[in-house]
Amino acid sequence: MIAGLDHVVALVRDIGAAKAAYQTLLGRAPSWQNFGDGADRVLFTLQNMSIELMAPSGASATADRMRELLDDREGMLASLCFRVADINKMHRRLDRVALKPDAVAEVESRDDTTGAVLHWKRTRAATELTRGVRMFFLELGAERPLSAVTDAGPVLALDHVVVATEDSERAAALYGARLGLDMALDRSHHDWGQLMFFRCGDLVVEVVRRPVAGGDASHDRLWGFSWRVGDIDATRTRLTAAGVDVSDVRNGRKPGTRVMTVRNGTCGIQTILLEQSPRPAA
């Protein structure tokens, strides 16, 4: 039913600063910009998903709620938005698995730069039943334009989005049994806790359990991103020249991967860049 991850919403305090930071991080230009109705929005669209930066604007209930969620943070991940082929079928499934979806709504967005218009249908599961993570489900009328490459070593796609949980059994039931995502990995390690990988199109929703004293067992939280790059050394050179603080490149946990951590310039969102070595020819 779920075809992939359409986009992830990141709430940010300053839309101008966030736009500049992500253009530097991704090495790409925004693909869509929309301002008004209590929120300013900038989207970057990659090979397999989009990230939507959203900032409160003006005085409205929507803007006030966003400011309350942000509190004193520069930014935070706020919503997962899954793509589906048939919104009515998805709505019936969500209802059948007791996630209490909203009525299907038709939505329109106009790009303030080009005047282009996109249409989609969407529904939202009840957040109290998705362990505190806001989840939308979209049927798009047309593809979004891709973000143009603006610099060397650009980010190509999202490899995985990370969800932190204190209750791995209930999280697995949500993402696997109820949403229908395929569990590709369930592994525990004394140093980094329990990892569960759920395939979602050509990326992964990674659910991580690292028990913390006083943690909330009934609510999960969106934690961070791992972005794919084609040449991690070129990306590191570009980001370092732009003043972004990045770690040294190191071997990843998954064989054949090299990774580095981005320490700033992400609006406070945990971020890793990952290079996957080409698979040997058969």
C-alpha atoms as a PDB file:
ATOM      1  CA  MET A   1       0.000   0.000   0.000  1.00  0.00           C
ATOM      2  CA  ILE A   2       2.808   2.434   0.906  1.00  0.00           C
ATOM      3  CA  ALA A   3       4.954   3.061  -2.176  1.00  0.00           C
ATOM      4  CA  GLY A   4       7.661   5.092  -0.467  1.00  0.00           C
ATOM      5  CA  LEU A   5       8.449   8.091   1.696  1.00  0.00           C
ATOM      6  CA  ASP A   6       7.178  11.183  -0.117  1.00  0.00           C
ATOM      7  CA  HIS A   7       8.667  13.790   2.194  1.00  0.00           C
ATOM      8  CA  VAL A   8       9.692  14.609   5.733  1.00  0.00           C
ATOM      9  CA  VAL A   9       8.684  17.895   7.360  1.00  0.00           C
ATOM     10  CA  ALA A  10      11.296  19.751   9.400  1.00  0.00           C
ATOM     11  CA  LEU A  11      10.130  22.658  11.538  1.00  0.00           C
ATOM     12  CA  VAL A  12      12.684  25.489  11.622  1.00  0.00           C
ATOM     13  CA  ARG A  13      12.800  28.813  13.387  1.00  0.00           C
ATOM     14  CA  ASP A  14      14.193  30.923  10.512  1.00  0.00           C
ATOM     15  CA  ILE A  15      13.189  29.909   6.966  1.00  0.00           C
ATOM     16  CA  GLY A  16      15.896  32.043   5.309  1.00  0.00           C
ATOM     17  CA  ALA A  17      18.707  30.613   7.422  1.00  0.00           C
ATOM     18  CA  ALA A  18      17.375  27.062   7.024  1.00  0.00           C
ATOM     19  CA  LYS A  19      17.073  27.415   3.243  1.00  0.00           C
ATOM     20  CA  ALA A  20      20.689  28.593   3.011  1.00  0.00           C
ATOM     21  CA  ALA A  21      21.919  25.841   5.345  1.00  0.00           C
ATOM     22  CA  TYR A  22      20.238  23.045   3.392  1.00  0.00           C
ATOM     23  CA  GLN A  23      21.287  24.421   0.022  1.00  0.00           C
ATOM     24  CA  THR A  24      24.856  24.178   1.338  1.00  0.00           C
ATOM     25  CA  LEU A  25      24.364  20.743   2.909  1.00  0.00           C
ATOM     26  CA  LEU A  26      22.630  19.175  -0.087  1.00  0.00           C
ATOM     27  CA  GLY A  27      24.524  21.018  -2.817  1.00  0.00           C
ATOM     28  CA  ARG A  28      21.175  21.696  -4.476  1.00  0.00           C
ATOM     29  CA  ALA A  29      18.709  24.517  -5.028  1.00  0.00           C
ATOM     30  CA  PRO A  30      15.158  24.493  -3.624  1.00  0.00           C
ATOM     31  CA  SER A  31      12.589  22.835  -5.876  1.00  0.00           C
ATOM     32  CA  TRP A  32       9.477  24.536  -4.436  1.00  0.00           C
ATOM     33  CA  GLN A  33       8.780  27.592  -2.257  1.00  0.00           C
ATOM     34  CA  ASN A  34       5.483  28.663  -0.773  1.00  0.00           C
ATOM     35  CA  PHE A  35       4.809  31.426   1.744  1.00  0.00           C
ATOM     36  CA  GLY A  36       1.639  32.212   3.684  1.00  0.00           C
ATOM     37  CA  ASP A  37      -1.205  30.700   5.735  1.00  0.00           C
ATOM     38  CA  GLY A  38       0.827  30.856   8.927  1.00  0.00           C
ATOM     39  CA  ALA A  39       3.850  29.013   7.534  1.00  0.00           C
ATOM     40  CA  ASP A  40       6.723  29.587   5.125  1.00  0.00           C
ATOM     41  CA  ARG A  41       7.776  26.459   3.210  1.00  0.00           C
ATOM     42  CA  VAL A  42      10.859  25.533   1.200  1.00  0.00           C
ATOM     43  CA  LEU A  43      11.252  22.080  -0.358  1.00  0.00           C
ATOM     44  CA  PHE A  44      14.314  20.274  -1.674  1.00  0.00           C
ATOM     45  CA  THR A  45      13.468  17.260  -3.843  1.00  0.00           C
ATOM     46  CA  LEU A  46      16.000  14.463  -4.338  1.00  0.00           C
ATOM     47  CA  GLN A  47      15.899  11.158  -6.225  1.00  0.00           C
ATOM     48  CA  ASN A  48      13.628   9.383  -3.756  1.00  0.00           C
ATOM     49  CA  MET A  49      11.962  11.978  -1.492  1.00  0.00           C
ATOM     50  CA  SER A  50      11.716  15.629  -0.480  1.00  0.00           C
ATOM     51  CA  ILE A  51      12.550  17.492   2.694  1.00  0.00           C
ATOM     52  CA  GLU A  52      10.103  20.291   3.487  1.00  0.00           C
ATOM     53  CA  LEU A  53      11.436  23.079   5.688  1.00  0.00           C
ATOM     54  CA  MET A  54       8.570  24.860   7.427  1.00  0.00           C
ATOM     55  CA  ALA A  55       8.787  27.955   9.631  1.00  0.00           C
ATOM     56  CA  PRO A  56       6.072  29.825  11.529  1.00  0.00           C
ATOM     57  CA  SER A  57       5.004  33.095   9.916  1.00  0.00           C
ATOM     58  CA  GLY A  58       2.864  35.861  11.359  1.00  0.00           C
ATOM     59  CA  ALA A  59       0.174  35.507  14.012  1.00  0.00           C
ATOM     60  CA  SER A  60      -2.129  32.535  13.623  1.00  0.00           C
ATOM     61  CA  ALA A  61      -3.047  29.312  15.416  1.00  0.00           C
ATOM     62  CA  THR A  62      -0.824  27.363  12.990  1.00  0.00           C
ATOM     63  CA  ALA A  63       2.191  29.605  13.572  1.00  0.00           C
ATOM     64  CA  ASP A  64       1.685  29.602  17.350  1.00  0.00           C
ATOM     65  CA  ARG A  65       1.515  25.805  17.443  1.00  0.00           C
ATOM     66  CA  MET A  66       4.754  25.551  15.466  1.00  0.00           C
ATOM     67  CA  ARG A  67       6.500  27.984  17.807  1.00  0.00           C
ATOM     68  CA  GLU A  68       5.306  25.953  20.776  1.00  0.00           C
ATOM     69  CA  LEU A  69       6.679  22.744  19.254  1.00  0.00           C
ATOM     70  CA  LEU A  70      10.014  24.358  18.449  1.00  0.00           C
ATOM     71  CA  ASP A  71      10.346  25.896  21.909  1.00  0.00           C
ATOM     72  CA  ASP A  72      13.953  27.126  21.961  1.00  0.00           C
ATOM     73  CA  ARG A  73      15.261  24.750  19.283  1.00  0.00           C
ATOM     74  CA  GLU A  74      16.656  25.840  15.916  1.00  0.00           C
ATOM     75  CA  GLY A  75      14.815  23.003  14.199  1.00  0.00           C
ATOM     76  CA  MET A  76      13.253  19.551  14.588  1.00  0.00           C
ATOM     77  CA  LEU A  77      11.796  16.762  12.480  1.00  0.00           C
ATOM     78  CA  ALA A  78       8.009  16.940  12.708  1.00  0.00           C
ATOM     79  CA  SER A  79       6.220  14.568  10.287  1.00  0.00           C
ATOM     80  CA  LEU A  80       6.623  11.534   8.048  1.00  0.00           C
ATOM     81  CA  CYS A  81       4.607  11.790   4.825  1.00  0.00           C
ATOM     82  CA  PHE A  82       4.239   8.488   2.980  1.00  0.00           C
ATOM     83  CA  ARG A  83       3.380   8.192  -0.710  1.00  0.00           C
ATOM     84  CA  VAL A  84       0.587   5.854  -1.782  1.00  0.00           C
ATOM     85  CA  ALA A  85      -0.854   4.913  -5.167  1.00  0.00           C
ATOM     86  CA  ASP A  86      -4.488   4.885  -4.033  1.00  0.00           C
ATOM     87  CA  ILE A  87      -5.445   7.150  -1.128  1.00  0.00           C
ATOM     88  CA  ASN A  88      -8.880   5.561  -0.709  1.00  0.00           C
ATOM     89  CA  LYS A  89      -7.397   2.082  -0.297  1.00  0.00           C
ATOM     90  CA  MET A  90      -4.864   3.459   2.167  1.00  0.00           C
ATOM     91  CA  HIS A  91      -7.629   5.190   4.099  1.00  0.00           C
ATOM     92  CA  ARG A  92      -9.526   1.910   4.376  1.00  0.00           C
ATOM     93  CA  ARG A  93      -6.407   0.121   5.630  1.00  0.00           C
ATOM     94  CA  LEU A  94      -5.689   2.783   8.235  1.00  0.00           C
ATOM     95  CA  ASP A  95      -9.265   2.531   9.411  1.00  0.00           C
ATOM     96  CA  ARG A  96      -9.096  -1.261   9.493  1.00  0.00           C
ATOM     97  CA  VAL A  97      -5.954  -1.255  11.666  1.00  0.00           C
ATOM     98  CA  ALA A  98      -7.547   1.303  14.033  1.00  0.00           C
ATOM     99  CA  LEU A  99      -5.329   4.306  13.242  1.00  0.00           C
ATOM    100  CA  LYS A 100      -8.380   6.585  12.917  1.00  0.00           C
ATOM    101  CA  PRO A 101      -7.496   8.457   9.706  1.00  0.00           C
ATOM    102  CA  ASP A 102      -8.856  11.916   8.917  1.00  0.00           C
ATOM    103  CA  ALA A 103     -11.221  12.247   5.995  1.00  0.00           C
ATOM    104  CA  VAL A 104      -9.385  12.390   2.657  1.00  0.00           C
ATOM    105  CA  ALA A 105      -8.731  16.008   1.644  1.00  0.00           C
ATOM    106  CA  GLU A 106      -7.683  17.521  -1.684  1.00  0.00           C
ATOM    107  CA  VAL A 107      -4.768  19.941  -1.385  1.00  0.00           C
ATOM    108  CA  GLU A 108      -3.172  22.456  -3.756  1.00  0.00           C
ATOM    109  CA  SER A 109       0.170  24.245  -3.564  1.00  0.00           C
ATOM    110  CA  ARG A 110       1.530  27.012  -5.800  1.00  0.00           C
ATOM    111  CA  ASP A 111       5.242  27.620  -6.188  1.00  0.00           C
ATOM    112  CA  ASP A 112       5.885  31.295  -5.467  1.00  0.00           C
ATOM    113  CA  THR A 113       8.876  31.367  -7.836  1.00  0.00           C
ATOM    114  CA  THR A 114       7.430  29.804 -11.011  1.00  0.00           C
ATOM    115  CA  GLY A 115       3.669  29.886 -10.390  1.00  0.00           C
ATOM    116  CA  ALA A 116       3.450  26.131 -11.015  1.00  0.00           C
ATOM    117  CA  VAL A 117       0.675  24.278  -9.160  1.00  0.00           C
ATOM    118  CA  LEU A 118       0.692  20.807  -7.619  1.00  0.00           C
ATOM    119  CA  HIS A 119      -2.349  18.849  -6.439  1.00  0.00           C
ATOM    120  CA  TRP A 120      -2.547  15.865  -4.112  1.00  0.00           C
ATOM    121  CA  LYS A 121      -4.928  13.965  -1.876  1.00  0.00           C
ATOM    122  CA  ARG A 122      -4.003  13.223   1.701  1.00  0.00           C
ATOM    123  CA  THR A 123      -5.090  11.789   4.998  1.00  0.00           C
ATOM    124  CA  ARG A 124      -3.483  11.752   8.438  1.00  0.00           C
ATOM    125  CA  ALA A 125      -3.457   8.998  11.041  1.00  0.00           C
ATOM    126  CA  ALA A 126      -4.318   9.920  14.622  1.00  0.00           C
ATOM    127  CA  THR A 127      -1.011  10.965  16.205  1.00  0.00           C
ATOM    128  CA  GLU A 128      -1.910   9.477  19.584  1.00  0.00           C
ATOM    129  CA  LEU A 129      -2.117   6.089  17.815  1.00  0.00           C
ATOM    130  CA  THR A 130       1.161   6.431  15.863  1.00  0.00           C
ATOM    131  CA  ARG A 131       3.215   6.695  19.040  1.00  0.00           C
ATOM    132  CA  GLY A 132       3.483  10.495  18.854  1.00  0.00           C
ATOM    133  CA  VAL A 133       4.965  10.663  15.340  1.00  0.00           C
ATOM    134  CA  ARG A 134       2.751  12.675  12.965  1.00  0.00           C
ATOM    135  CA  MET A 135       2.085  10.599   9.831  1.00  0.00           C
ATOM    136  CA  PHE A 136       0.468  11.723   6.593  1.00  0.00           C
ATOM    137  CA  PHE A 137      -0.374   9.639   3.515  1.00  0.00           C
ATOM    138  CA  LEU A 138      -0.406  11.297   0.075  1.00  0.00           C
ATOM    139  CA  GLU A 139      -1.505  10.459  -3.434  1.00  0.00           C
ATOM    140  CA  LEU A 140       0.230  12.967  -5.720  1.00  0.00           C
ATOM    141  CA  GLY A 141      -1.301  14.190  -8.952  1.00  0.00           C
ATOM    142  CA  ALA A 142       2.133  14.808 -10.536  1.00  0.00           C
ATOM    143  CA  GLU A 143       5.813  14.567  -9.636  1.00  0.00           C
ATOM    144  CA  ARG A 144       7.569  17.478  -7.976  1.00  0.00           C
ATOM    145  CA  PRO A 145      10.479  19.030  -9.898  1.00  0.00           C
ATOM    146  CA  LEU A 146      13.903  17.830  -8.795  1.00  0.00           C
ATOM    147  CA  SER A 147      16.267  20.200  -7.021  1.00  0.00           C
ATOM    148  CA  ALA A 148      18.992  21.367  -9.398  1.00  0.00           C
ATOM    149  CA  VAL A 149      22.591  20.565  -8.455  1.00  0.00           C
ATOM    150  CA  THR A 150      24.475  23.725  -7.464  1.00  0.00           C
ATOM    151  CA  ASP A 151      27.843  22.382  -6.317  1.00  0.00           C
ATOM    152  CA  ALA A 152      30.223  19.426  -6.380  1.00  0.00           C
ATOM    153  CA  GLY A 153      29.538  16.295  -4.366  1.00  0.00           C
ATOM    154  CA  PRO A 154      25.780  16.841  -3.961  1.00  0.00           C
ATOM    155  CA  VAL A 155      23.497  14.693  -1.859  1.00  0.00           C
ATOM    156  CA  LEU A 156      21.733  12.217  -4.153  1.00  0.00           C
ATOM    157  CA  ALA A 157      18.956  10.729  -2.048  1.00  0.00           C
ATOM    158  CA  LEU A 158      17.900   9.757   1.457  1.00  0.00           C
ATOM    159  CA  ASP A 159      19.296   6.462   2.697  1.00  0.00           C
ATOM    160  CA  HIS A 160      17.310   6.279   5.930  1.00  0.00           C
ATOM    161  CA  VAL A 161      15.304   8.329   8.379  1.00  0.00           C
ATOM    162  CA  VAL A 162      15.757   7.414  12.039  1.00  0.00           C
ATOM    163  CA  VAL A 163      12.987   7.020  14.617  1.00  0.00           C
ATOM    164  CA  ALA A 164      13.955   6.628  18.291  1.00  0.00           C
ATOM    165  CA  THR A 165      11.758   4.422  20.466  1.00  0.00           C
ATOM    166  CA  GLU A 166      11.627   3.145  24.024  1.00  0.00           C
ATOM    167  CA  ASP A 167       9.321   0.239  23.129  1.00  0.00           C
ATOM    168  CA  SER A 168      10.624  -1.766  20.183  1.00  0.00           C
ATOM    169  CA  GLU A 169       7.791  -4.326  20.211  1.00  0.00           C
ATOM    170  CA  ARG A 170       5.031  -1.748  19.829  1.00  0.00           C
ATOM    171  CA  ALA A 171       7.076   0.260  17.296  1.00  0.00           C
ATOM    172  CA  ALA A 172       7.622  -2.903  15.238  1.00  0.00           C
ATOM    173  CA  ALA A 173       3.897  -3.624  15.339  1.00  0.00           C
ATOM    174  CA  LEU A 174       3.145  -0.098  14.087  1.00  0.00           C
ATOM    175  CA  TYR A 175       5.601   0.062  11.184  1.00  0.00           C
ATOM    176  CA  GLY A 176       5.367  -3.588  10.212  1.00  0.00           C
ATOM    177  CA  ALA A 177       1.948  -5.095  10.935  1.00  0.00           C
ATOM    178  CA  ARG A 178      -0.164  -1.938  10.814  1.00  0.00           C
ATOM    179  CA  LEU A 179       1.530   0.184   8.149  1.00  0.00           C
ATOM    180  CA  GLY A 180       2.672  -2.817   6.133  1.00  0.00           C
ATOM    181  CA  LEU A 181       6.373  -1.977   5.774  1.00  0.00           C
ATOM    182  CA  ASP A 182       8.733  -4.925   5.295  1.00  0.00           C
ATOM    183  CA  MET A 183      11.161  -5.509   8.178  1.00  0.00           C
ATOM    184  CA  ALA A 184      14.571  -6.122   6.613  1.00  0.00           C
ATOM    185  CA  LEU A 185      16.668  -6.242   9.791  1.00  0.00           C
ATOM    186  CA  ASP A 186      16.264  -6.687  13.531  1.00  0.00           C
ATOM    187  CA  ARG A 187      19.594  -6.627  15.341  1.00  0.00           C
ATOM    188  CA  SER A 188      20.787  -5.848  18.864  1.00  0.00           C
ATOM    189  CA  HIS A 189      24.244  -4.779  20.047  1.00  0.00           C
ATOM    190  CA  HIS A 190      25.442  -3.942  23.552  1.00  0.00           C
ATOM    191  CA  ASP A 191      27.040  -0.680  22.358  1.00  0.00           C
ATOM    192  CA  TRP A 192      24.295   0.810  20.163  1.00  0.00           C
ATOM    193  CA  GLY A 193      21.096  -0.930  21.254  1.00  0.00           C
ATOM    194  CA  GLN A 194      18.471  -2.475  18.993  1.00  0.00           C
ATOM    195  CA  LEU A 195      18.110  -1.559  15.310  1.00  0.00           C
ATOM    196  CA  MET A 196      15.111  -2.401  13.128  1.00  0.00           C
ATOM    197  CA  PHE A 197      15.118  -1.558   9.422  1.00  0.00           C
ATOM    198  CA  PHE A 198      11.806  -1.239   7.568  1.00  0.00           C
ATOM    199  CA  ARG A 199      11.975  -0.970   3.765  1.00  0.00           C
ATOM    200  CA  CYS A 200      10.027   1.975   2.380  1.00  0.00           C
ATOM    201  CA  GLY A 201      10.505   2.217  -1.371  1.00  0.00           C
ATOM    202  CA  ASP A 202      14.264   2.441  -1.955  1.00  0.00           C
ATOM    203  CA  LEU A 203      15.053   3.849   1.483  1.00  0.00           C
ATOM    204  CA  VAL A 204      14.764   2.645   5.056  1.00  0.00           C
ATOM    205  CA  VAL A 205      12.813   3.752   8.101  1.00  0.00           C
ATOM    206  CA  GLU A 206      15.269   2.841  10.865  1.00  0.00           C
ATOM    207  CA  VAL A 207      13.763   2.370  14.327  1.00  0.00           C
ATOM    208  CA  VAL A 208      16.380   2.538  17.080  1.00  0.00           C
ATOM    209  CA  ARG A 209      15.926   1.538  20.707  1.00  0.00           C
ATOM    210  CA  ARG A 210      18.515   2.935  23.086  1.00  0.00           C
ATOM    211  CA  PRO A 211      16.872   2.771  26.520  1.00  0.00           C
ATOM    212  CA  VAL A 212      17.270   6.017  28.434  1.00  0.00           C
ATOM    213  CA  ALA A 213      16.504   6.471  32.119  1.00  0.00           C
ATOM    214  CA  GLY A 214      13.189   8.270  32.409  1.00  0.00           C
ATOM    215  CA  GLY A 215      12.374   7.782  28.707  1.00  0.00           C
ATOM    216  CA  ASP A 216       8.793   7.857  27.419  1.00  0.00           C
ATOM    217  CA  ALA A 217       7.801   4.309  26.496  1.00  0.00           C
ATOM    218  CA  SER A 218       4.551   5.414  24.842  1.00  0.00           C
ATOM    219  CA  HIS A 219       5.981   8.061  22.473  1.00  0.00           C
ATOM    220  CA  ASP A 220       8.598   7.705  19.735  1.00  0.00           C
ATOM    221  CA  ARG A 221      10.405  10.656  18.171  1.00  0.00           C
ATOM    222  CA  LEU A 222      11.894  11.458  14.805  1.00  0.00           C
ATOM    223  CA  TRP A 223      15.635  11.586  15.389  1.00  0.00           C
ATOM    224  CA  GLY A 224      17.652  12.220  12.214  1.00  0.00           C
ATOM    225  CA  PHE A 225      18.736  11.528   8.629  1.00  0.00           C
ATOM    226  CA  SER A 226      21.347   9.548   6.742  1.00  0.00           C
ATOM    227  CA  TRP A 227      21.787  11.036   3.250  1.00  0.00           C
ATOM    228  CA  ARG A 228      23.375   9.196   0.299  1.00  0.00           C
ATOM    229  CA  VAL A 229      26.254  10.763  -1.611  1.00  0.00           C
ATOM    230  CA  GLY A 230      28.190   9.491  -4.610  1.00  0.00           C
ATOM    231  CA  ASP A 231      31.669  10.658  -3.535  1.00  0.00           C
ATOM    232  CA  ILE A 232      31.945  11.286   0.180  1.00  0.00           C
ATOM    233  CA  ASP A 233      35.453  12.743  -0.095  1.00  0.00           C
ATOM    234  CA  ALA A 234      34.265  15.355  -2.609  1.00  0.00           C
ATOM    235  CA  THR A 235      31.294  16.142  -0.385  1.00  0.00           C
ATOM    236  CA  ARG A 236      33.530  16.535   2.654  1.00  0.00           C
ATOM    237  CA  THR A 237      35.862  18.871   0.757  1.00  0.00           C
ATOM    238  CA  ARG A 238      32.913  21.011  -0.366  1.00  0.00           C
ATOM    239  CA  LEU A 239      31.313  21.222   3.078  1.00  0.00           C
ATOM    240  CA  THR A 240      34.598  21.969   4.839  1.00  0.00           C
ATOM    241  CA  ALA A 241      35.299  24.798   2.379  1.00  0.00           C
ATOM    242  CA  ALA A 242      31.827  26.197   3.178  1.00  0.00           C
ATOM    243  CA  GLY A 243      32.613  26.243   6.914  1.00  0.00           C
ATOM    244  CA  VAL A 244      30.496  23.225   7.861  1.00  0.00           C
ATOM    245  CA  ASP A 245      31.906  21.158  10.746  1.00  0.00           C
ATOM    246  CA  VAL A 246      32.116  17.513   9.667  1.00  0.00           C
ATOM    247  CA  SER A 247      33.853  14.468  11.104  1.00  0.00           C
ATOM    248  CA  ASP A 248      36.523  12.436   9.383  1.00  0.00           C
ATOM    249  CA  VAL A 249      35.242   9.814   6.965  1.00  0.00           C
ATOM    250  CA  ARG A 250      35.017   6.379   8.567  1.00  0.00           C
ATOM    251  CA  ASN A 251      33.775   2.914   7.665  1.00  0.00           C
ATOM    252  CA  GLY A 252      30.078   2.427   8.349  1.00  0.00           C
ATOM    253  CA  ARG A 253      28.492  -0.421  10.279  1.00  0.00           C
ATOM    254  CA  LYS A 254      27.127  -1.831   7.034  1.00  0.00           C
ATOM    255  CA  PRO A 255      29.901  -3.472   4.971  1.00  0.00           C
ATOM    256  CA  GLY A 256      30.828  -1.470   1.903  1.00  0.00           C
ATOM    257  CA  THR A 257      29.772   1.902   3.335  1.00  0.00           C
ATOM    258  CA  ARG A 258      31.729   4.984   4.363  1.00  0.00           C
ATOM    259  CA  VAL A 259      30.122   7.652   6.537  1.00  0.00           C
ATOM    260  CA  MET A 260      30.723  10.988   8.201  1.00  0.00           C
ATOM    261  CA  THR A 261      28.804  13.036  10.738  1.00  0.00           C
ATOM    262  CA  VAL A 262      27.686  16.602  10.039  1.00  0.00           C
ATOM    263  CA  ARG A 263      27.981  18.581  13.277  1.00  0.00           C
ATOM    264  CA  ASN A 264      26.388  21.909  12.299  1.00  0.00           C
ATOM    265  CA  GLY A 265      24.495  23.524   9.440  1.00  0.00           C
ATOM    266  CA  THR A 266      21.533  21.143   9.765  1.00  0.00           C
ATOM    267  CA  CYS A 267      19.179  23.251  11.946  1.00  0.00           C
ATOM    268  CA  GLY A 268      19.979  20.987  14.882  1.00  0.00           C
ATOM    269  CA  ILE A 269      18.847  17.793  13.102  1.00  0.00           C
ATOM    270  CA  GLN A 270      21.119  14.752  13.580  1.00  0.00           C
ATOM    271  CA  THR A 271      22.718  14.122  10.189  1.00  0.00           C
ATOM    272  CA  ILE A 272      25.044  11.527   8.663  1.00  0.00           C
ATOM    273  CA  LEU A 273      26.284  11.327   5.066  1.00  0.00           C
ATOM    274  CA  LEU A 274      26.828   7.874   3.579  1.00  0.00           C
ATOM    275  CA  GLU A 275      28.628   6.535   0.521  1.00  0.00           C
ATOM    276  CA  GLN A 276      27.743   3.041  -0.696  1.00  0.00           C
ATOM    277  CA  SER A 277      30.423   1.186  -2.620  1.00  0.00           C
ATOM    278  CA  PRO A 278      29.254  -0.225  -5.976  1.00  0.00           C
ATOM    279  CA  ARG A 279      28.314  -3.898  -5.804  1.00  0.00           C
ATOM    280  CA  PRO A 280      30.758  -6.243  -7.583  1.00  0.00           C
ATOM    281  CA  ALA A 281      29.589  -7.389 -10.999  1.00  0.00           C
ATOM    282  CA  ALA A 282      27.992 -10.857 -10.988  1.00  0.00           C
END
